[in-house]
Amino acid sequence: MHPSTLGFQSKFATLSLALMLVTLWLALHGYHGVTDDGQIYAFQAFARLHPQLTADLYLQNTSQDQFTLFSPLYAWCIGLLGLENAARLLTLVFSVWFLAAAWSFASAVTGHDTAWLAVAFLLIIAGDYGAAGVFRVLDPFLTARLPAEALIITALACHVRGMNRLALLLASGALFIHPLVALPGLLLIVCLWVPVRVSVLGSIGCIFATLVIAVVAINLPTGSHMLSVMDTPWLDDISIVVQCL
């Protein structure tokens, strides 16, 4: 067969597979609007444009907004495009980035053909995690978890392609977007980078430290405020809600 024909067939197959993944994403995930946790992140970004909103209890007593660079970016986009358009555009951008990074990682590990199948499976699975499955991979609404996941998958793709320093830099940068999502990915990259013996010793040390912290927390005096569970204003509001229920 003529080489040009083979090249055309290859490009046509790639386009067909890409369109299949887009169809799967739209059918199974898509965009659900400013809902669920997306409302929280939208409120935090909106408060940067309208400072009077910072009087709300949620922002008065140390919200997660103080630990992410996502809110300034989101607020800037809202100022340019409006809330709904910004949320829709950023959800699309981060979702495509996540899937492209996943394909890059899978193709480096298994090859191009299998990578398409891996991404398709990634779209099909539910991806729920956390207590009672309250979180999920590839949220259908905009949260800081989306860019953090995309950065971590990109970091893993860089690592398997031999760009270890860039991988470590990207994973570290993800900590400034969503520390809880990024930390396991950063630790995984560190473990893959260092010798196996160091990884094993580090894992054992972390497990031991976790047990020590748990024992200390259990045996703290009842009146101790060292590990305060909830600020007093929050506790008062929660008590009112529980009484109403």
C-alpha atoms as a PDB file:
ATOM      1  CA  MET A   1       0.000   0.000   0.000  1.00  0.00           C
ATOM      2  CA  HIS A   2       1.218   3.498  -0.819  1.00  0.00           C
ATOM      3  CA  PRO A   3       2.859   5.297   2.169  1.00  0.00           C
ATOM      4  CA  SER A   4       0.619   8.340   1.715  1.00  0.00           C
ATOM      5  CA  THR A   5      -2.467   6.096   1.989  1.00  0.00           C
ATOM      6  CA  LEU A   6      -1.118   4.537   5.173  1.00  0.00           C
ATOM      7  CA  GLY A   7      -0.458   7.990   6.600  1.00  0.00           C
ATOM      8  CA  PHE A   8      -4.009   9.114   5.800  1.00  0.00           C
ATOM      9  CA  GLN A   9      -5.488   5.995   7.389  1.00  0.00           C
ATOM     10  CA  SER A  10      -3.399   6.521  10.506  1.00  0.00           C
ATOM     11  CA  LYS A  11      -4.538  10.132  10.848  1.00  0.00           C
ATOM     12  CA  PHE A  12      -8.158   9.143  10.206  1.00  0.00           C
ATOM     13  CA  ALA A  13      -7.970   6.434  12.895  1.00  0.00           C
ATOM     14  CA  THR A  14      -6.459   8.897  15.367  1.00  0.00           C
ATOM     15  CA  LEU A  15      -9.193  11.450  14.651  1.00  0.00           C
ATOM     16  CA  SER A  16     -11.882   8.777  15.018  1.00  0.00           C
ATOM     17  CA  LEU A  17     -10.519   7.646  18.374  1.00  0.00           C
ATOM     18  CA  ALA A  18     -10.267  11.232  19.613  1.00  0.00           C
ATOM     19  CA  LEU A  19     -13.898  11.888  18.610  1.00  0.00           C
ATOM     20  CA  MET A  20     -14.925   8.681  20.366  1.00  0.00           C
ATOM     21  CA  LEU A  21     -13.323   9.911  23.589  1.00  0.00           C
ATOM     22  CA  VAL A  22     -15.027  13.305  23.241  1.00  0.00           C
ATOM     23  CA  THR A  23     -18.380  11.539  22.808  1.00  0.00           C
ATOM     24  CA  LEU A  24     -17.735   9.370  25.867  1.00  0.00           C
ATOM     25  CA  TRP A  25     -16.785  12.402  27.939  1.00  0.00           C
ATOM     26  CA  LEU A  26     -19.902  14.331  26.900  1.00  0.00           C
ATOM     27  CA  ALA A  27     -22.168  11.340  27.523  1.00  0.00           C
ATOM     28  CA  LEU A  28     -20.734  10.200  30.859  1.00  0.00           C
ATOM     29  CA  HIS A  29     -19.288  13.395  32.361  1.00  0.00           C
ATOM     30  CA  GLY A  30     -19.948  16.597  30.459  1.00  0.00           C
ATOM     31  CA  TYR A  31     -20.493  19.828  32.338  1.00  0.00           C
ATOM     32  CA  HIS A  32     -23.021  20.061  35.176  1.00  0.00           C
ATOM     33  CA  GLY A  33     -22.842  23.810  35.748  1.00  0.00           C
ATOM     34  CA  VAL A  34     -21.941  25.623  38.969  1.00  0.00           C
ATOM     35  CA  THR A  35     -23.120  22.870  41.320  1.00  0.00           C
ATOM     36  CA  ASP A  36     -21.950  20.924  44.385  1.00  0.00           C
ATOM     37  CA  ASP A  37     -18.373  21.855  45.390  1.00  0.00           C
ATOM     38  CA  GLY A  38     -18.235  24.082  42.336  1.00  0.00           C
ATOM     39  CA  GLN A  39     -20.448  26.550  44.198  1.00  0.00           C
ATOM     40  CA  ILE A  40     -17.904  26.785  47.026  1.00  0.00           C
ATOM     41  CA  TYR A  41     -15.002  27.573  44.689  1.00  0.00           C
ATOM     42  CA  ALA A  42     -17.152  30.030  42.727  1.00  0.00           C
ATOM     43  CA  PHE A  43     -18.046  31.830  45.958  1.00  0.00           C
ATOM     44  CA  GLN A  44     -14.391  32.053  46.993  1.00  0.00           C
ATOM     45  CA  ALA A  45     -13.435  33.495  43.604  1.00  0.00           C
ATOM     46  CA  PHE A  46     -16.404  35.870  43.618  1.00  0.00           C
ATOM     47  CA  ALA A  47     -15.347  37.180  47.038  1.00  0.00           C
ATOM     48  CA  ARG A  48     -12.082  38.363  45.478  1.00  0.00           C
ATOM     49  CA  LEU A  49     -14.068  40.526  43.066  1.00  0.00           C
ATOM     50  CA  HIS A  50     -16.596  41.637  45.700  1.00  0.00           C
ATOM     51  CA  PRO A  51     -14.766  42.069  49.059  1.00  0.00           C
ATOM     52  CA  GLN A  52     -18.027  42.580  50.971  1.00  0.00           C
ATOM     53  CA  LEU A  53     -18.632  38.823  50.629  1.00  0.00           C
ATOM     54  CA  THR A  54     -15.635  38.119  52.896  1.00  0.00           C
ATOM     55  CA  ALA A  55     -17.881  38.949  55.858  1.00  0.00           C
ATOM     56  CA  ASP A  56     -19.462  35.524  55.393  1.00  0.00           C
ATOM     57  CA  LEU A  57     -18.669  33.000  58.142  1.00  0.00           C
ATOM     58  CA  TYR A  58     -17.185  30.566  55.640  1.00  0.00           C
ATOM     59  CA  LEU A  59     -14.423  33.031  54.694  1.00  0.00           C
ATOM     60  CA  GLN A  60     -13.989  34.590  58.136  1.00  0.00           C
ATOM     61  CA  ASN A  61     -12.556  31.546  59.860  1.00  0.00           C
ATOM     62  CA  THR A  62      -9.728  30.261  57.653  1.00  0.00           C
ATOM     63  CA  SER A  63     -11.250  28.672  54.553  1.00  0.00           C
ATOM     64  CA  GLN A  64      -9.355  26.475  52.084  1.00  0.00           C
ATOM     65  CA  ASP A  65      -9.082  29.558  49.864  1.00  0.00           C
ATOM     66  CA  GLN A  66      -5.967  30.527  51.832  1.00  0.00           C
ATOM     67  CA  PHE A  67      -4.146  27.427  50.593  1.00  0.00           C
ATOM     68  CA  THR A  68      -4.649  27.651  46.834  1.00  0.00           C
ATOM     69  CA  LEU A  69      -3.701  29.811  43.870  1.00  0.00           C
ATOM     70  CA  PHE A  70      -6.784  28.607  42.041  1.00  0.00           C
ATOM     71  CA  SER A  71      -9.130  31.307  43.347  1.00  0.00           C
ATOM     72  CA  PRO A  72      -7.140  34.281  41.922  1.00  0.00           C
ATOM     73  CA  LEU A  73      -7.058  32.589  38.489  1.00  0.00           C
ATOM     74  CA  TYR A  74     -10.773  31.795  38.682  1.00  0.00           C
ATOM     75  CA  ALA A  75     -11.587  35.349  39.800  1.00  0.00           C
ATOM     76  CA  TRP A  76      -9.579  36.801  36.900  1.00  0.00           C
ATOM     77  CA  CYS A  77     -11.485  34.646  34.406  1.00  0.00           C
ATOM     78  CA  ILE A  78     -14.818  35.583  36.011  1.00  0.00           C
ATOM     79  CA  GLY A  79     -13.908  39.256  35.631  1.00  0.00           C
ATOM     80  CA  LEU A  80     -13.261  38.713  31.908  1.00  0.00           C
ATOM     81  CA  LEU A  81     -15.985  36.244  30.942  1.00  0.00           C
ATOM     82  CA  GLY A  82     -18.570  36.168  33.705  1.00  0.00           C
ATOM     83  CA  LEU A  83     -19.139  33.351  36.197  1.00  0.00           C
ATOM     84  CA  GLU A  84     -20.932  30.787  34.037  1.00  0.00           C
ATOM     85  CA  ASN A  85     -18.706  31.241  30.970  1.00  0.00           C
ATOM     86  CA  ALA A  86     -15.530  31.135  33.065  1.00  0.00           C
ATOM     87  CA  ALA A  87     -16.636  27.981  34.885  1.00  0.00           C
ATOM     88  CA  ARG A  88     -17.580  26.252  31.626  1.00  0.00           C
ATOM     89  CA  LEU A  89     -14.362  27.212  29.821  1.00  0.00           C
ATOM     90  CA  LEU A  90     -12.031  26.268  32.672  1.00  0.00           C
ATOM     91  CA  THR A  91     -13.819  22.947  33.206  1.00  0.00           C
ATOM     92  CA  LEU A  92     -13.326  22.123  29.522  1.00  0.00           C
ATOM     93  CA  VAL A  93      -9.674  23.235  29.487  1.00  0.00           C
ATOM     94  CA  PHE A  94      -8.693  21.290  32.612  1.00  0.00           C
ATOM     95  CA  SER A  95     -10.648  18.183  31.554  1.00  0.00           C
ATOM     96  CA  VAL A  96      -9.000  18.091  28.118  1.00  0.00           C
ATOM     97  CA  TRP A  97      -5.618  18.718  29.741  1.00  0.00           C
ATOM     98  CA  PHE A  98      -6.200  15.837  32.185  1.00  0.00           C
ATOM     99  CA  LEU A  99      -7.189  13.406  29.417  1.00  0.00           C
ATOM    100  CA  ALA A 100      -4.324  14.468  27.145  1.00  0.00           C
ATOM    101  CA  ALA A 101      -1.839  14.005  29.992  1.00  0.00           C
ATOM    102  CA  ALA A 102      -3.339  10.605  30.793  1.00  0.00           C
ATOM    103  CA  TRP A 103      -2.954   9.578  27.136  1.00  0.00           C
ATOM    104  CA  SER A 104       0.657  10.774  27.139  1.00  0.00           C
ATOM    105  CA  PHE A 105       1.416   8.789  30.296  1.00  0.00           C
ATOM    106  CA  ALA A 106      -0.273   5.638  28.994  1.00  0.00           C
ATOM    107  CA  SER A 107       1.376   5.860  25.570  1.00  0.00           C
ATOM    108  CA  ALA A 108       4.813   6.136  27.180  1.00  0.00           C
ATOM    109  CA  VAL A 109       4.151   3.042  29.298  1.00  0.00           C
ATOM    110  CA  THR A 110       2.182   0.797  26.908  1.00  0.00           C
ATOM    111  CA  GLY A 111       2.214   2.317  23.421  1.00  0.00           C
ATOM    112  CA  HIS A 112      -0.088   4.571  21.391  1.00  0.00           C
ATOM    113  CA  ASP A 113      -2.800   2.026  20.561  1.00  0.00           C
ATOM    114  CA  THR A 114      -3.292   0.877  24.138  1.00  0.00           C
ATOM    115  CA  ALA A 115      -3.219   4.475  25.384  1.00  0.00           C
ATOM    116  CA  TRP A 116      -6.512   5.236  23.596  1.00  0.00           C
ATOM    117  CA  LEU A 117      -8.124   2.264  25.319  1.00  0.00           C
ATOM    118  CA  ALA A 118      -6.712   3.337  28.686  1.00  0.00           C
ATOM    119  CA  VAL A 119      -8.208   6.816  28.360  1.00  0.00           C
ATOM    120  CA  ALA A 120     -11.541   5.306  27.303  1.00  0.00           C
ATOM    121  CA  PHE A 121     -11.545   3.144  30.444  1.00  0.00           C
ATOM    122  CA  LEU A 122     -10.670   6.228  32.483  1.00  0.00           C
ATOM    123  CA  LEU A 123     -13.814   7.892  31.153  1.00  0.00           C
ATOM    124  CA  ILE A 124     -16.016   4.848  31.725  1.00  0.00           C
ATOM    125  CA  ILE A 125     -15.106   4.149  35.360  1.00  0.00           C
ATOM    126  CA  ALA A 126     -17.039   5.987  38.070  1.00  0.00           C
ATOM    127  CA  GLY A 127     -13.858   7.306  39.702  1.00  0.00           C
ATOM    128  CA  ASP A 128     -15.478   7.897  43.099  1.00  0.00           C
ATOM    129  CA  TYR A 129     -13.247   8.173  46.153  1.00  0.00           C
ATOM    130  CA  GLY A 130     -13.314   9.557  49.686  1.00  0.00           C
ATOM    131  CA  ALA A 131     -15.860   8.874  52.424  1.00  0.00           C
ATOM    132  CA  ALA A 132     -19.151   7.715  50.850  1.00  0.00           C
ATOM    133  CA  GLY A 133     -17.689   8.544  47.420  1.00  0.00           C
ATOM    134  CA  VAL A 134     -18.124  12.287  47.859  1.00  0.00           C
ATOM    135  CA  PHE A 135     -15.238  13.052  45.491  1.00  0.00           C
ATOM    136  CA  ARG A 136     -14.555  11.777  41.998  1.00  0.00           C
ATOM    137  CA  VAL A 137     -11.802  11.924  39.416  1.00  0.00           C
ATOM    138  CA  LEU A 138     -12.568  14.361  36.589  1.00  0.00           C
ATOM    139  CA  ASP A 139     -15.317  16.366  38.267  1.00  0.00           C
ATOM    140  CA  PRO A 140     -18.153  17.500  35.927  1.00  0.00           C
ATOM    141  CA  PHE A 141     -18.006  20.944  37.554  1.00  0.00           C
ATOM    142  CA  LEU A 142     -15.169  23.350  38.276  1.00  0.00           C
ATOM    143  CA  THR A 143     -13.082  22.852  41.415  1.00  0.00           C
ATOM    144  CA  ALA A 144      -9.394  23.184  42.246  1.00  0.00           C
ATOM    145  CA  ARG A 145      -9.169  19.398  42.085  1.00  0.00           C
ATOM    146  CA  LEU A 146      -9.351  19.463  38.272  1.00  0.00           C
ATOM    147  CA  PRO A 147      -6.147  21.477  37.609  1.00  0.00           C
ATOM    148  CA  ALA A 148      -4.338  19.679  40.451  1.00  0.00           C
ATOM    149  CA  GLU A 149      -5.171  16.279  38.925  1.00  0.00           C
ATOM    150  CA  ALA A 150      -4.095  17.500  35.493  1.00  0.00           C
ATOM    151  CA  LEU A 151      -0.761  18.725  36.879  1.00  0.00           C
ATOM    152  CA  ILE A 152      -0.089  15.447  38.687  1.00  0.00           C
ATOM    153  CA  ILE A 153      -0.874  13.311  35.632  1.00  0.00           C
ATOM    154  CA  THR A 154       1.323  15.600  33.535  1.00  0.00           C
ATOM    155  CA  ALA A 155       4.103  15.199  36.104  1.00  0.00           C
ATOM    156  CA  LEU A 156       3.788  11.390  35.908  1.00  0.00           C
ATOM    157  CA  ALA A 157       3.918  11.550  32.107  1.00  0.00           C
ATOM    158  CA  CYS A 158       7.070  13.653  32.305  1.00  0.00           C
ATOM    159  CA  HIS A 159       8.636  11.208  34.760  1.00  0.00           C
ATOM    160  CA  VAL A 160       8.099   8.109  32.594  1.00  0.00           C
ATOM    161  CA  ARG A 161       9.537  10.044  29.644  1.00  0.00           C
ATOM    162  CA  GLY A 162      12.742  10.772  31.572  1.00  0.00           C
ATOM    163  CA  MET A 163      12.044  14.406  32.512  1.00  0.00           C
ATOM    164  CA  ASN A 164      12.397  13.843  36.247  1.00  0.00           C
ATOM    165  CA  ARG A 165      13.180  17.406  37.296  1.00  0.00           C
ATOM    166  CA  LEU A 166      10.240  18.814  35.359  1.00  0.00           C
ATOM    167  CA  ALA A 167       8.001  16.119  36.869  1.00  0.00           C
ATOM    168  CA  LEU A 168       9.058  17.072  40.383  1.00  0.00           C
ATOM    169  CA  LEU A 169       8.547  20.769  39.604  1.00  0.00           C
ATOM    170  CA  LEU A 170       5.022  20.218  38.234  1.00  0.00           C
ATOM    171  CA  ALA A 171       4.013  17.998  41.141  1.00  0.00           C
ATOM    172  CA  SER A 172       5.341  20.555  43.612  1.00  0.00           C
ATOM    173  CA  GLY A 173       3.412  23.294  41.793  1.00  0.00           C
ATOM    174  CA  ALA A 174       0.221  21.255  42.175  1.00  0.00           C
ATOM    175  CA  LEU A 175       0.582  21.649  45.947  1.00  0.00           C
ATOM    176  CA  PHE A 176      -0.242  25.339  45.504  1.00  0.00           C
ATOM    177  CA  ILE A 177      -3.472  24.427  43.696  1.00  0.00           C
ATOM    178  CA  HIS A 178      -4.885  21.650  45.903  1.00  0.00           C
ATOM    179  CA  PRO A 179      -2.466  20.284  48.542  1.00  0.00           C
ATOM    180  CA  LEU A 180      -4.561  17.224  49.479  1.00  0.00           C
ATOM    181  CA  VAL A 181      -4.916  16.040  45.879  1.00  0.00           C
ATOM    182  CA  ALA A 182      -1.320  16.856  44.937  1.00  0.00           C
ATOM    183  CA  LEU A 183       0.526  15.370  47.922  1.00  0.00           C
ATOM    184  CA  PRO A 184      -0.003  11.659  47.071  1.00  0.00           C
ATOM    185  CA  GLY A 185       1.104  12.311  43.488  1.00  0.00           C
ATOM    186  CA  LEU A 186       4.187  14.191  44.637  1.00  0.00           C
ATOM    187  CA  LEU A 187       5.097  11.392  47.055  1.00  0.00           C
ATOM    188  CA  LEU A 188       4.637   8.816  44.277  1.00  0.00           C
ATOM    189  CA  ILE A 189       7.005  10.697  41.981  1.00  0.00           C
ATOM    190  CA  VAL A 190       9.558  11.052  44.763  1.00  0.00           C
ATOM    191  CA  CYS A 191       9.308   7.314  45.494  1.00  0.00           C
ATOM    192  CA  LEU A 192       9.782   6.493  41.801  1.00  0.00           C
ATOM    193  CA  TRP A 193      12.782   8.793  41.592  1.00  0.00           C
ATOM    194  CA  VAL A 194      14.767   7.730  44.657  1.00  0.00           C
ATOM    195  CA  PRO A 195      16.237   4.222  45.170  1.00  0.00           C
ATOM    196  CA  VAL A 196      13.814   1.493  46.287  1.00  0.00           C
ATOM    197  CA  ARG A 197      15.526   1.132  49.674  1.00  0.00           C
ATOM    198  CA  VAL A 198      14.992   4.809  50.436  1.00  0.00           C
ATOM    199  CA  SER A 199      11.341   4.567  49.371  1.00  0.00           C
ATOM    200  CA  VAL A 200      10.708   1.599  51.649  1.00  0.00           C
ATOM    201  CA  LEU A 201      12.404   3.230  54.630  1.00  0.00           C
ATOM    202  CA  GLY A 202      10.497   6.457  54.015  1.00  0.00           C
ATOM    203  CA  SER A 203       7.183   4.591  53.824  1.00  0.00           C
ATOM    204  CA  ILE A 204       7.875   2.783  57.085  1.00  0.00           C
ATOM    205  CA  GLY A 205       8.825   6.072  58.739  1.00  0.00           C
ATOM    206  CA  CYS A 206       5.611   7.763  57.545  1.00  0.00           C
ATOM    207  CA  ILE A 207       3.471   4.875  58.814  1.00  0.00           C
ATOM    208  CA  PHE A 208       5.187   5.017  62.188  1.00  0.00           C
ATOM    209  CA  ALA A 209       4.756   8.814  62.380  1.00  0.00           C
ATOM    210  CA  THR A 210       1.048   8.454  61.551  1.00  0.00           C
ATOM    211  CA  LEU A 211       0.593   5.925  64.352  1.00  0.00           C
ATOM    212  CA  VAL A 212       2.385   8.201  66.807  1.00  0.00           C
ATOM    213  CA  ILE A 213       0.202  11.188  65.867  1.00  0.00           C
ATOM    214  CA  ALA A 214      -2.932   9.049  66.202  1.00  0.00           C
ATOM    215  CA  VAL A 215      -1.902   7.813  69.658  1.00  0.00           C
ATOM    216  CA  VAL A 216      -1.087  11.353  70.798  1.00  0.00           C
ATOM    217  CA  ALA A 217      -4.436  12.651  69.513  1.00  0.00           C
ATOM    218  CA  ILE A 218      -6.360   9.915  71.318  1.00  0.00           C
ATOM    219  CA  ASN A 219      -4.613  10.539  74.613  1.00  0.00           C
ATOM    220  CA  LEU A 220      -4.816  14.335  74.626  1.00  0.00           C
ATOM    221  CA  PRO A 221      -6.837  15.813  77.503  1.00  0.00           C
ATOM    222  CA  THR A 222     -10.462  16.515  76.627  1.00  0.00           C
ATOM    223  CA  GLY A 223     -10.074  20.252  77.139  1.00  0.00           C
ATOM    224  CA  SER A 224      -6.965  20.571  75.009  1.00  0.00           C
ATOM    225  CA  HIS A 225      -7.154  22.927  72.018  1.00  0.00           C
ATOM    226  CA  MET A 226      -3.981  21.633  70.349  1.00  0.00           C
ATOM    227  CA  LEU A 227      -6.016  19.671  67.802  1.00  0.00           C
ATOM    228  CA  SER A 228      -9.187  21.723  67.683  1.00  0.00           C
ATOM    229  CA  VAL A 229     -11.809  19.960  65.583  1.00  0.00           C
ATOM    230  CA  MET A 230     -13.967  22.981  64.762  1.00  0.00           C
ATOM    231  CA  ASP A 231     -13.911  26.727  65.433  1.00  0.00           C
ATOM    232  CA  THR A 232     -16.532  27.965  67.890  1.00  0.00           C
ATOM    233  CA  PRO A 233     -18.633  29.945  65.332  1.00  0.00           C
ATOM    234  CA  TRP A 234     -18.780  26.925  63.043  1.00  0.00           C
ATOM    235  CA  LEU A 235     -19.643  24.649  65.966  1.00  0.00           C
ATOM    236  CA  ASP A 236     -22.505  26.938  67.015  1.00  0.00           C
ATOM    237  CA  ASP A 237     -23.980  26.956  63.500  1.00  0.00           C
ATOM    238  CA  ILE A 238     -23.666  23.197  63.150  1.00  0.00           C
ATOM    239  CA  SER A 239     -25.384  22.724  66.533  1.00  0.00           C
ATOM    240  CA  ILE A 240     -28.311  24.869  65.331  1.00  0.00           C
ATOM    241  CA  VAL A 241     -28.613  22.837  62.103  1.00  0.00           C
ATOM    242  CA  VAL A 242     -28.537  19.541  64.038  1.00  0.00           C
ATOM    243  CA  GLN A 243     -31.251  20.772  66.433  1.00  0.00           C
ATOM    244  CA  CYS A 244     -33.443  21.784  63.464  1.00  0.00           C
ATOM    245  CA  LEU A 245     -33.061  18.311  61.988  1.00  0.00           C
END
